[in-house]
């Protein structure tokens, strides 16, 4: 069960990464700094979520 949850978290992070790329492109096209800051903030959230998911998967293996 733990591995499934971790895999779903990784998949969710991957989907979030796609959204961040779209946000970054839109912000650059519109030259909107606020949208760019928001996209970068979302990127940090996605990276942190992926790191937590991967750490959870690794800890699940060691037990």
N, C-alpha and C. Protein backbone atom coordinates (compact mmCIF):
# COMPACT_ATOMS: atom_id res chain seq x y z
N UNK A 1 0.83 -1.20 0.00
CA UNK A 1 0.00 0.00 0.00
C UNK A 1 0.87 1.26 0.00
N UNK A 2 1.95 1.22 0.74
CA UNK A 2 2.83 2.38 0.83
C UNK A 2 3.48 2.67 -0.52
N UNK A 3 3.87 1.59 -1.23
CA UNK A 3 4.49 1.78 -2.54
C UNK A 3 3.50 2.38 -3.53
N UNK A 4 2.25 1.95 -3.46
CA UNK A 4 1.23 2.49 -4.35
C UNK A 4 1.03 3.97 -4.09
N UNK A 5 0.96 4.33 -2.83
CA UNK A 5 0.77 5.74 -2.48
C UNK A 5 1.96 6.57 -2.97
N UNK A 6 3.17 6.05 -2.78
CA UNK A 6 4.35 6.76 -3.25
C UNK A 6 4.36 6.90 -4.76
N UNK A 7 3.96 5.84 -5.45
CA UNK A 7 3.92 5.90 -6.91
C UNK A 7 2.88 6.92 -7.38
N UNK A 8 1.76 6.99 -6.70
CA UNK A 8 0.75 7.98 -7.06
C UNK A 8 1.24 9.40 -6.79
N UNK A 9 2.00 9.58 -5.74
CA UNK A 9 2.56 10.90 -5.44
C UNK A 9 3.56 11.31 -6.51
N UNK A 10 4.38 10.36 -6.97
CA UNK A 10 5.34 10.66 -8.03
C UNK A 10 4.60 11.02 -9.32
N UNK A 11 3.55 10.26 -9.63
CA UNK A 11 2.75 10.55 -10.83
C UNK A 11 2.10 11.93 -10.72
N UNK A 12 1.62 12.26 -9.55
CA UNK A 12 1.03 13.58 -9.35
C UNK A 12 2.05 14.69 -9.52
N UNK A 13 3.26 14.45 -9.06
CA UNK A 13 4.32 15.44 -9.24
C UNK A 13 4.68 15.61 -10.71
N UNK A 14 4.66 14.51 -11.44
CA UNK A 14 4.94 14.59 -12.88
C UNK A 14 3.87 15.42 -13.59
N UNK A 15 2.63 15.19 -13.22
CA UNK A 15 1.53 15.97 -13.80
C UNK A 15 1.66 17.44 -13.40
N UNK A 16 2.07 17.68 -12.18
CA UNK A 16 2.28 19.06 -11.73
C UNK A 16 3.40 19.74 -12.49
N UNK A 17 4.43 18.97 -12.84
CA UNK A 17 5.54 19.53 -13.60
C UNK A 17 5.08 19.98 -14.98
N UNK A 18 4.18 19.21 -15.58
CA UNK A 18 3.63 19.60 -16.89
C UNK A 18 2.87 20.93 -16.76
N UNK A 19 2.11 21.05 -15.69
CA UNK A 19 1.38 22.30 -15.45
C UNK A 19 2.30 23.48 -15.23
N UNK A 20 3.40 23.25 -14.54
CA UNK A 20 4.36 24.33 -14.30
C UNK A 20 4.99 24.79 -15.61
N UNK A 21 5.31 23.86 -16.48
CA UNK A 21 5.89 24.23 -17.78
C UNK A 21 4.90 25.08 -18.57
N UNK A 22 3.64 24.70 -18.56
CA UNK A 22 2.61 25.48 -19.26
C UNK A 22 2.50 26.89 -18.67
N UNK A 23 2.54 26.96 -17.32
CA UNK A 23 2.46 28.27 -16.67
C UNK A 23 3.65 29.14 -17.03
N UNK A 24 4.84 28.54 -17.06
CA UNK A 24 6.03 29.31 -17.41
C UNK A 24 5.95 29.84 -18.83
N UNK A 25 5.50 29.01 -19.77
CA UNK A 25 5.37 29.46 -21.16
C UNK A 25 4.37 30.60 -21.28
N UNK A 26 3.24 30.45 -20.60
CA UNK A 26 2.22 31.51 -20.66
C UNK A 26 2.74 32.81 -20.05
N UNK A 27 3.46 32.70 -18.96
CA UNK A 27 4.00 33.90 -18.31
C UNK A 27 5.02 34.60 -19.20
N UNK A 28 5.84 33.81 -19.88
CA UNK A 28 6.83 34.41 -20.79
C UNK A 28 6.17 35.06 -21.99
N UNK A 29 5.15 34.40 -22.53
CA UNK A 29 4.45 34.97 -23.69
C UNK A 29 3.80 36.30 -23.35
N UNK A 30 3.23 36.39 -22.17
CA UNK A 30 2.53 37.60 -21.76
C UNK A 30 3.46 38.61 -21.08
N UNK A 31 4.70 38.20 -20.82
CA UNK A 31 5.66 39.04 -20.09
C UNK A 31 5.08 39.50 -18.75
N UNK A 32 4.43 38.57 -18.07
CA UNK A 32 3.78 38.86 -16.79
C UNK A 32 4.65 38.33 -15.66
N UNK A 33 5.24 39.25 -14.93
CA UNK A 33 6.15 38.85 -13.85
C UNK A 33 5.44 38.15 -12.70
N UNK A 34 4.24 38.57 -12.41
CA UNK A 34 3.51 37.93 -11.32
C UNK A 34 3.17 36.48 -11.66
N UNK A 35 2.77 36.24 -12.88
CA UNK A 35 2.51 34.85 -13.31
C UNK A 35 3.80 34.03 -13.28
N UNK A 36 4.92 34.66 -13.61
CA UNK A 36 6.20 33.97 -13.59
C UNK A 36 6.58 33.58 -12.16
N UNK A 37 6.39 34.49 -11.23
CA UNK A 37 6.69 34.19 -9.82
C UNK A 37 5.79 33.06 -9.33
N UNK A 38 4.53 33.09 -9.72
CA UNK A 38 3.60 32.04 -9.32
C UNK A 38 4.04 30.69 -9.88
N UNK A 39 4.45 30.66 -11.14
CA UNK A 39 4.91 29.42 -11.76
C UNK A 39 6.16 28.89 -11.07
N UNK A 40 7.07 29.77 -10.73
CA UNK A 40 8.29 29.34 -10.03
C UNK A 40 7.96 28.81 -8.63
N UNK A 41 7.02 29.43 -7.96
CA UNK A 41 6.58 28.92 -6.66
C UNK A 41 5.96 27.54 -6.79
N UNK A 42 5.16 27.35 -7.82
CA UNK A 42 4.57 26.04 -8.06
C UNK A 42 5.63 25.00 -8.39
N UNK A 43 6.69 25.43 -9.08
CA UNK A 43 7.78 24.51 -9.39
C UNK A 43 8.45 24.02 -8.11
N UNK A 44 8.62 24.91 -7.16
CA UNK A 44 9.22 24.52 -5.87
C UNK A 44 8.33 23.51 -5.16
N UNK A 45 7.04 23.72 -5.21
CA UNK A 45 6.09 22.79 -4.59
C UNK A 45 6.16 21.42 -5.25
N UNK A 46 6.24 21.40 -6.57
CA UNK A 46 6.31 20.13 -7.31
C UNK A 46 7.61 19.39 -6.97
N UNK A 47 8.71 20.11 -6.94
CA UNK A 47 10.00 19.49 -6.62
C UNK A 47 9.99 18.92 -5.21
N UNK A 48 9.46 19.66 -4.27
CA UNK A 48 9.39 19.19 -2.89
C UNK A 48 8.49 17.96 -2.77
N UNK A 49 7.36 17.98 -3.44
CA UNK A 49 6.45 16.84 -3.42
C UNK A 49 7.10 15.59 -4.01
N UNK A 50 7.82 15.76 -5.10
CA UNK A 50 8.51 14.62 -5.72
C UNK A 50 9.59 14.08 -4.79
N UNK A 51 10.33 14.96 -4.15
CA UNK A 51 11.38 14.52 -3.23
C UNK A 51 10.79 13.75 -2.06
N UNK A 52 9.69 14.23 -1.53
CA UNK A 52 9.04 13.52 -0.42
C UNK A 52 8.52 12.15 -0.86
N UNK A 53 7.96 12.09 -2.06
CA UNK A 53 7.46 10.82 -2.57
C UNK A 53 8.59 9.82 -2.78
N UNK A 54 9.68 10.28 -3.36
CA UNK A 54 10.82 9.39 -3.59
C UNK A 54 11.44 8.93 -2.27
N UNK A 55 11.51 9.82 -1.31
CA UNK A 55 12.03 9.43 0.00
C UNK A 55 11.13 8.39 0.64
N UNK A 56 9.83 8.55 0.51
CA UNK A 56 8.89 7.58 1.05
C UNK A 56 9.04 6.23 0.38
N UNK A 57 9.26 6.23 -0.91
CA UNK A 57 9.47 4.96 -1.62
C UNK A 57 10.74 4.27 -1.17
N UNK A 58 11.80 5.05 -0.98
CA UNK A 58 13.07 4.46 -0.52
C UNK A 58 12.96 3.92 0.89
N UNK A 59 12.28 4.63 1.76
CA UNK A 59 12.12 4.15 3.13
C UNK A 59 11.27 2.90 3.17
N UNK A 60 10.31 2.80 2.28
CA UNK A 60 9.45 1.62 2.20
C UNK A 60 10.24 0.39 1.82
N UNK A 61 11.27 0.53 1.01
CA UNK A 61 12.10 -0.60 0.59
C UNK A 61 12.97 -1.10 1.72
N UNK A 62 13.46 -0.19 2.55
CA UNK A 62 14.40 -0.60 3.58
C UNK A 62 13.75 -1.37 4.72
N UNK A 63 12.43 -1.30 4.83
CA UNK A 63 11.75 -1.99 5.94
C UNK A 63 11.46 -3.41 5.60
